[in-house]
Amino acid sequence: MLGFLLWLVLLFLCWPLALLALVLYPLAWLLLLPFRLIGIGVEGVFELLRAIVLLPARVLRGSLR
């Protein structure tokens, strides 16, 4: 909501810049999408490695009852 209000202020003060931002935002989002997907994959690999490293401790600890 705050971003929309800031965009409205920009539209009021400098409408060509606001329209340019409106056009370029989806393009920037599309360009950054592969990096987000790579980040999700890397995070998954790190979580898998963490689970593998911590598995012996969880097995030796047993149940929490």
C-alpha atoms as a PDB file:
ATOM      1  CA  MET A   1       0.000   0.000   0.000  1.00  0.00           C
ATOM      2  CA  LEU A   2       2.830   2.366   0.857  1.00  0.00           C
ATOM      3  CA  GLY A   3       4.509   1.638  -2.465  1.00  0.00           C
ATOM      4  CA  PHE A   4       1.319   2.524  -4.309  1.00  0.00           C
ATOM      5  CA  LEU A   5       0.995   5.804  -2.407  1.00  0.00           C
ATOM      6  CA  LEU A   6       4.608   6.685  -3.197  1.00  0.00           C
ATOM      7  CA  TRP A   7       3.948   5.899  -6.840  1.00  0.00           C
ATOM      8  CA  LEU A   8       0.918   8.223  -6.799  1.00  0.00           C
ATOM      9  CA  VAL A   9       3.062  11.012  -5.353  1.00  0.00           C
ATOM     10  CA  LEU A  10       5.643  10.379  -8.065  1.00  0.00           C
ATOM     11  CA  LEU A  11       2.856  10.409 -10.661  1.00  0.00           C
ATOM     12  CA  PHE A  12       1.686  13.779  -9.371  1.00  0.00           C
ATOM     13  CA  LEU A  13       5.188  15.291  -9.235  1.00  0.00           C
ATOM     14  CA  CYS A  14       6.782  13.785 -12.328  1.00  0.00           C
ATOM     15  CA  TRP A  15       4.393  11.726 -14.460  1.00  0.00           C
ATOM     16  CA  PRO A  16       6.907  10.651 -17.162  1.00  0.00           C
ATOM     17  CA  LEU A  17       9.179   9.100 -14.540  1.00  0.00           C
ATOM     18  CA  ALA A  18       6.210   7.373 -12.893  1.00  0.00           C
ATOM     19  CA  LEU A  19       5.090   5.880 -16.200  1.00  0.00           C
ATOM     20  CA  LEU A  20       8.633   4.762 -16.958  1.00  0.00           C
ATOM     21  CA  ALA A  21       8.796   3.049 -13.574  1.00  0.00           C
ATOM     22  CA  LEU A  22       5.443   1.403 -14.270  1.00  0.00           C
ATOM     23  CA  VAL A  23       6.798  -0.033 -17.532  1.00  0.00           C
ATOM     24  CA  LEU A  24      10.256  -1.018 -16.270  1.00  0.00           C
ATOM     25  CA  TYR A  25       9.170  -2.725 -13.027  1.00  0.00           C
ATOM     26  CA  PRO A  26       7.813  -5.885 -14.714  1.00  0.00           C
ATOM     27  CA  LEU A  27      10.904  -6.074 -16.915  1.00  0.00           C
ATOM     28  CA  ALA A  28      13.198  -5.865 -13.894  1.00  0.00           C
ATOM     29  CA  TRP A  29      11.097  -8.529 -12.151  1.00  0.00           C
ATOM     30  CA  LEU A  30      11.494 -10.853 -15.145  1.00  0.00           C
ATOM     31  CA  LEU A  31      15.249 -10.253 -15.281  1.00  0.00           C
ATOM     32  CA  LEU A  32      15.664 -11.022 -11.569  1.00  0.00           C
ATOM     33  CA  LEU A  33      13.450 -14.130 -11.605  1.00  0.00           C
ATOM     34  CA  PRO A  34      16.268 -16.589 -12.507  1.00  0.00           C
ATOM     35  CA  PHE A  35      18.350 -15.333  -9.587  1.00  0.00           C
ATOM     36  CA  ARG A  36      15.419 -15.906  -7.223  1.00  0.00           C
ATOM     37  CA  LEU A  37      15.020 -19.448  -8.537  1.00  0.00           C
ATOM     38  CA  ILE A  38      18.743 -20.105  -8.069  1.00  0.00           C
ATOM     39  CA  GLY A  39      18.454 -18.749  -4.528  1.00  0.00           C
ATOM     40  CA  ILE A  40      15.586 -21.124  -3.760  1.00  0.00           C
ATOM     41  CA  GLY A  41      17.652 -24.042  -5.077  1.00  0.00           C
ATOM     42  CA  VAL A  42      20.751 -23.084  -3.097  1.00  0.00           C
ATOM     43  CA  GLU A  43      18.670 -22.676   0.061  1.00  0.00           C
ATOM     44  CA  GLY A  44      17.238 -26.159  -0.480  1.00  0.00           C
ATOM     45  CA  VAL A  45      20.715 -27.650  -0.869  1.00  0.00           C
ATOM     46  CA  PHE A  46      21.891 -25.995   2.344  1.00  0.00           C
ATOM     47  CA  GLU A  47      18.831 -27.270   4.227  1.00  0.00           C
ATOM     48  CA  LEU A  48      19.533 -30.782   2.933  1.00  0.00           C
ATOM     49  CA  LEU A  49      23.171 -30.589   4.047  1.00  0.00           C
ATOM     50  CA  ARG A  50      22.079 -29.300   7.454  1.00  0.00           C
ATOM     51  CA  ALA A  51      19.633 -32.183   7.824  1.00  0.00           C
ATOM     52  CA  ILE A  52      22.312 -34.705   6.853  1.00  0.00           C
ATOM     53  CA  VAL A  53      24.828 -33.259   9.317  1.00  0.00           C
ATOM     54  CA  LEU A  54      22.320 -33.104  12.186  1.00  0.00           C
ATOM     55  CA  LEU A  55      20.797 -36.546  11.537  1.00  0.00           C
ATOM     56  CA  PRO A  56      23.204 -38.523  13.804  1.00  0.00           C
ATOM     57  CA  ALA A  57      22.477 -36.216  16.734  1.00  0.00           C
ATOM     58  CA  ARG A  58      18.718 -36.593  16.236  1.00  0.00           C
ATOM     59  CA  VAL A  59      19.016 -40.391  16.030  1.00  0.00           C
ATOM     60  CA  LEU A  60      21.182 -40.637  19.160  1.00  0.00           C
ATOM     61  CA  ARG A  61      18.957 -38.283  21.129  1.00  0.00           C
ATOM     62  CA  GLY A  62      15.940 -40.528  20.639  1.00  0.00           C
ATOM     63  CA  SER A  63      12.393 -39.530  21.371  1.00  0.00           C
ATOM     64  CA  LEU A  64      11.558 -36.505  23.475  1.00  0.00           C
ATOM     65  CA  ARG A  65       8.936 -38.291  25.643  1.00  0.00           C
END
